[in-house]
Amino acid sequence: MGNTCYMNSAIQCLSNVLELTCYFLSGKFVEYISKSESLSKGTLSKHFCKILLDLWKNDVKSIKINKFKKYFELLNDQV
């Protein structure tokens, strides 16, 4: 998947910022998603939340980040 080790490291770092993780896991981020003509309409945030949910579950052995990576690439032309 190319450069996923860097993305994995960044996601792990972000997931250990307690305030950020609590914010996403609480679902409060949804009310701040722009309803305008945004490309993702919160898709990246929703996939990030799903990753956080999976990271903090004890029964998940591996996490697929392909959807998150796909939307990240759509929003960032430097990838």
N, C-alpha and C. Protein backbone atom coordinates (compact mmCIF):
# COMPACT_ATOMS: atom_id res chain seq x y z
N MET A 1 0.82 -1.21 0.00
CA MET A 1 0.00 0.00 0.00
C MET A 1 0.85 1.26 0.00
N GLY A 2 2.15 1.15 0.09
CA GLY A 2 3.02 2.32 -0.02
C GLY A 2 2.89 3.33 1.10
N ASN A 3 3.94 3.54 1.85
CA ASN A 3 4.02 4.52 2.93
C ASN A 3 3.02 4.30 4.07
N THR A 4 2.46 3.13 4.16
CA THR A 4 1.52 2.89 5.26
C THR A 4 2.22 2.83 6.60
N CYS A 5 3.52 2.56 6.62
CA CYS A 5 4.23 2.54 7.90
C CYS A 5 4.23 3.94 8.51
N TYR A 6 4.38 4.97 7.65
CA TYR A 6 4.34 6.35 8.14
C TYR A 6 2.93 6.70 8.61
N MET A 7 1.95 6.29 7.84
CA MET A 7 0.57 6.56 8.22
C MET A 7 0.22 5.83 9.52
N ASN A 8 0.67 4.60 9.65
CA ASN A 8 0.44 3.82 10.85
C ASN A 8 1.03 4.54 12.07
N SER A 9 2.25 5.02 11.94
CA SER A 9 2.90 5.73 13.05
C SER A 9 2.12 6.99 13.43
N ALA A 10 1.69 7.74 12.42
CA ALA A 10 0.94 8.97 12.68
C ALA A 10 -0.40 8.66 13.36
N ILE A 11 -1.08 7.63 12.90
CA ILE A 11 -2.37 7.25 13.50
C ILE A 11 -2.18 6.80 14.94
N GLN A 12 -1.12 6.03 15.20
CA GLN A 12 -0.85 5.59 16.56
C GLN A 12 -0.55 6.77 17.48
N CYS A 13 0.23 7.73 16.97
CA CYS A 13 0.52 8.93 17.77
C CYS A 13 -0.76 9.71 18.06
N LEU A 14 -1.55 9.94 17.02
CA LEU A 14 -2.80 10.69 17.20
C LEU A 14 -3.76 9.96 18.13
N SER A 15 -3.79 8.64 18.04
CA SER A 15 -4.72 7.88 18.88
C SER A 15 -4.33 7.92 20.36
N ASN A 16 -3.10 8.32 20.65
CA ASN A 16 -2.67 8.43 22.03
C ASN A 16 -2.78 9.84 22.59
N VAL A 17 -3.38 10.74 21.81
CA VAL A 17 -3.74 12.06 22.32
C VAL A 17 -5.15 11.89 22.90
N LEU A 18 -5.21 11.77 24.20
CA LEU A 18 -6.45 11.39 24.89
C LEU A 18 -7.63 12.28 24.53
N GLU A 19 -7.43 13.58 24.50
CA GLU A 19 -8.54 14.50 24.21
C GLU A 19 -9.08 14.27 22.79
N LEU A 20 -8.18 14.07 21.85
CA LEU A 20 -8.59 13.85 20.46
C LEU A 20 -9.34 12.54 20.32
N THR A 21 -8.81 11.49 20.91
CA THR A 21 -9.46 10.18 20.84
C THR A 21 -10.84 10.21 21.50
N CYS A 22 -10.93 10.81 22.66
CA CYS A 22 -12.23 10.91 23.34
C CYS A 22 -13.24 11.70 22.50
N TYR A 23 -12.76 12.76 21.86
CA TYR A 23 -13.62 13.58 21.00
C TYR A 23 -14.20 12.75 19.87
N PHE A 24 -13.36 11.97 19.19
CA PHE A 24 -13.84 11.15 18.09
C PHE A 24 -14.71 10.00 18.58
N LEU A 25 -14.29 9.33 19.63
CA LEU A 25 -15.06 8.19 20.12
C LEU A 25 -16.42 8.60 20.68
N SER A 26 -16.53 9.85 21.14
CA SER A 26 -17.82 10.33 21.65
C SER A 26 -18.81 10.62 20.52
N GLY A 27 -18.28 10.79 19.29
CA GLY A 27 -19.14 11.10 18.15
C GLY A 27 -19.42 12.58 17.98
N LYS A 28 -18.87 13.43 18.86
CA LYS A 28 -19.14 14.87 18.79
C LYS A 28 -18.63 15.50 17.50
N PHE A 29 -17.63 14.88 16.89
CA PHE A 29 -17.06 15.44 15.67
C PHE A 29 -18.08 15.52 14.54
N VAL A 30 -19.08 14.66 14.56
CA VAL A 30 -20.06 14.59 13.47
C VAL A 30 -20.83 15.89 13.30
N GLU A 31 -21.13 16.57 14.40
CA GLU A 31 -21.89 17.81 14.30
C GLU A 31 -21.09 18.95 13.67
N TYR A 32 -19.78 18.79 13.57
CA TYR A 32 -18.93 19.83 12.98
C TYR A 32 -18.51 19.53 11.54
N ILE A 33 -19.00 18.45 11.00
CA ILE A 33 -18.69 18.11 9.61
C ILE A 33 -19.47 19.04 8.70
N SER A 34 -18.77 19.64 7.75
CA SER A 34 -19.39 20.57 6.82
C SER A 34 -20.39 19.84 5.93
N LYS A 35 -21.56 20.41 5.81
CA LYS A 35 -22.60 19.83 4.95
C LYS A 35 -22.55 20.44 3.55
N SER A 36 -21.58 21.34 3.35
CA SER A 36 -21.48 22.02 2.05
C SER A 36 -20.89 21.07 1.01
N GLU A 37 -20.48 21.61 -0.09
CA GLU A 37 -20.00 20.81 -1.21
C GLU A 37 -18.56 20.33 -1.00
N SER A 38 -18.29 19.86 0.16
CA SER A 38 -16.96 19.32 0.46
C SER A 38 -16.77 17.99 -0.26
N LEU A 39 -15.54 17.70 -0.66
CA LEU A 39 -15.25 16.46 -1.37
C LEU A 39 -15.59 15.24 -0.53
N SER A 40 -15.23 15.25 0.73
CA SER A 40 -15.38 14.04 1.53
C SER A 40 -16.65 14.01 2.37
N LYS A 41 -17.23 15.17 2.68
CA LYS A 41 -18.40 15.26 3.55
C LYS A 41 -18.20 14.46 4.85
N GLY A 42 -17.00 14.56 5.40
CA GLY A 42 -16.71 13.91 6.67
C GLY A 42 -16.26 12.47 6.57
N THR A 43 -16.11 11.98 5.36
CA THR A 43 -15.73 10.58 5.17
C THR A 43 -14.40 10.26 5.84
N LEU A 44 -13.41 11.13 5.69
CA LEU A 44 -12.11 10.90 6.30
C LEU A 44 -12.23 10.84 7.82
N SER A 45 -12.97 11.77 8.38
CA SER A 45 -13.17 11.78 9.84
C SER A 45 -13.88 10.53 10.32
N LYS A 46 -14.87 10.09 9.57
CA LYS A 46 -15.61 8.89 9.96
C LYS A 46 -14.73 7.65 9.89
N HIS A 47 -13.88 7.57 8.87
CA HIS A 47 -12.97 6.43 8.78
C HIS A 47 -11.91 6.48 9.89
N PHE A 48 -11.47 7.68 10.24
CA PHE A 48 -10.52 7.82 11.34
C PHE A 48 -11.17 7.37 12.64
N CYS A 49 -12.41 7.73 12.85
CA CYS A 49 -13.14 7.31 14.05
C CYS A 49 -13.23 5.78 14.10
N LYS A 50 -13.53 5.17 12.97
CA LYS A 50 -13.61 3.70 12.90
C LYS A 50 -12.26 3.07 13.27
N ILE A 51 -11.18 3.66 12.78
CA ILE A 51 -9.85 3.15 13.12
C ILE A 51 -9.62 3.26 14.63
N LEU A 52 -9.99 4.39 15.22
CA LEU A 52 -9.83 4.56 16.66
C LEU A 52 -10.65 3.54 17.43
N LEU A 53 -11.88 3.32 16.99
CA LEU A 53 -12.71 2.31 17.65
C LEU A 53 -12.04 0.95 17.61
N ASP A 54 -11.51 0.59 16.45
CA ASP A 54 -10.84 -0.70 16.31
C ASP A 54 -9.56 -0.77 17.13
N LEU A 55 -8.81 0.34 17.18
CA LEU A 55 -7.56 0.36 17.93
C LEU A 55 -7.78 0.10 19.42
N TRP A 56 -8.85 0.64 19.94
CA TRP A 56 -9.06 0.56 21.38
C TRP A 56 -9.95 -0.59 21.80
N LYS A 57 -10.34 -1.44 20.87
CA LYS A 57 -11.03 -2.69 21.21
C LYS A 57 -9.98 -3.74 21.51
N ASN A 58 -10.23 -4.55 22.50
CA ASN A 58 -9.26 -5.58 22.85
C ASN A 58 -9.31 -6.78 21.94
N ASP A 59 -10.40 -6.96 21.22
CA ASP A 59 -10.57 -8.18 20.43
C ASP A 59 -10.18 -8.04 18.96
N VAL A 60 -9.69 -6.88 18.55
CA VAL A 60 -9.30 -6.67 17.15
C VAL A 60 -7.81 -6.96 16.99
N LYS A 61 -7.49 -7.89 16.08
CA LYS A 61 -6.10 -8.28 15.89
C LYS A 61 -5.40 -7.46 14.82
N SER A 62 -6.13 -7.01 13.83
CA SER A 62 -5.54 -6.16 12.79
C SER A 62 -6.60 -5.18 12.30
N ILE A 63 -6.11 -4.09 11.76
CA ILE A 63 -7.00 -3.01 11.31
C ILE A 63 -6.68 -2.68 9.87
N LYS A 64 -7.71 -2.64 9.05
CA LYS A 64 -7.54 -2.27 7.65
C LYS A 64 -7.73 -0.76 7.52
N ILE A 65 -6.74 -0.12 6.90
CA ILE A 65 -6.82 1.33 6.75
C ILE A 65 -7.01 1.75 5.29
N ASN A 66 -7.34 0.78 4.41
CA ASN A 66 -7.42 1.10 2.97
C ASN A 66 -8.42 2.22 2.67
N LYS A 67 -9.60 2.21 3.29
CA LYS A 67 -10.59 3.24 3.00
C LYS A 67 -10.10 4.60 3.49
N PHE A 68 -9.53 4.63 4.67
CA PHE A 68 -8.98 5.87 5.21
C PHE A 68 -7.90 6.40 4.28
N LYS A 69 -6.99 5.53 3.86
CA LYS A 69 -5.90 5.92 2.97
C LYS A 69 -6.43 6.43 1.63
N LYS A 70 -7.45 5.78 1.12
CA LYS A 70 -8.05 6.18 -0.16
C LYS A 70 -8.58 7.62 -0.08
N TYR A 71 -9.35 7.92 0.96
CA TYR A 71 -9.91 9.26 1.09
C TYR A 71 -8.84 10.29 1.42
N PHE A 72 -7.83 9.88 2.18
CA PHE A 72 -6.72 10.78 2.46
C PHE A 72 -6.03 11.19 1.16
N GLU A 73 -5.81 10.22 0.29
CA GLU A 73 -5.17 10.50 -1.00
C GLU A 73 -6.04 11.39 -1.88
N LEU A 74 -7.36 11.23 -1.81
CA LEU A 74 -8.26 12.09 -2.59
C LEU A 74 -8.17 13.54 -2.15
N LEU A 75 -7.97 13.74 -0.85
CA LEU A 75 -7.94 15.09 -0.30
C LEU A 75 -6.56 15.73 -0.35
N ASN A 76 -5.53 14.92 -0.53
CA ASN A 76 -4.17 15.42 -0.51
C ASN A 76 -3.46 15.05 -1.81
N ASP A 77 -3.27 16.02 -2.67
CA ASP A 77 -2.67 15.73 -3.97
C ASP A 77 -1.16 15.48 -3.92
N GLN A 78 -0.55 15.60 -2.75
CA GLN A 78 0.88 15.36 -2.61
C GLN A 78 1.21 13.92 -2.29
N VAL A 79 0.21 13.10 -2.09
CA VAL A 79 0.44 11.69 -1.75
C VAL A 79 0.77 10.90 -2.97
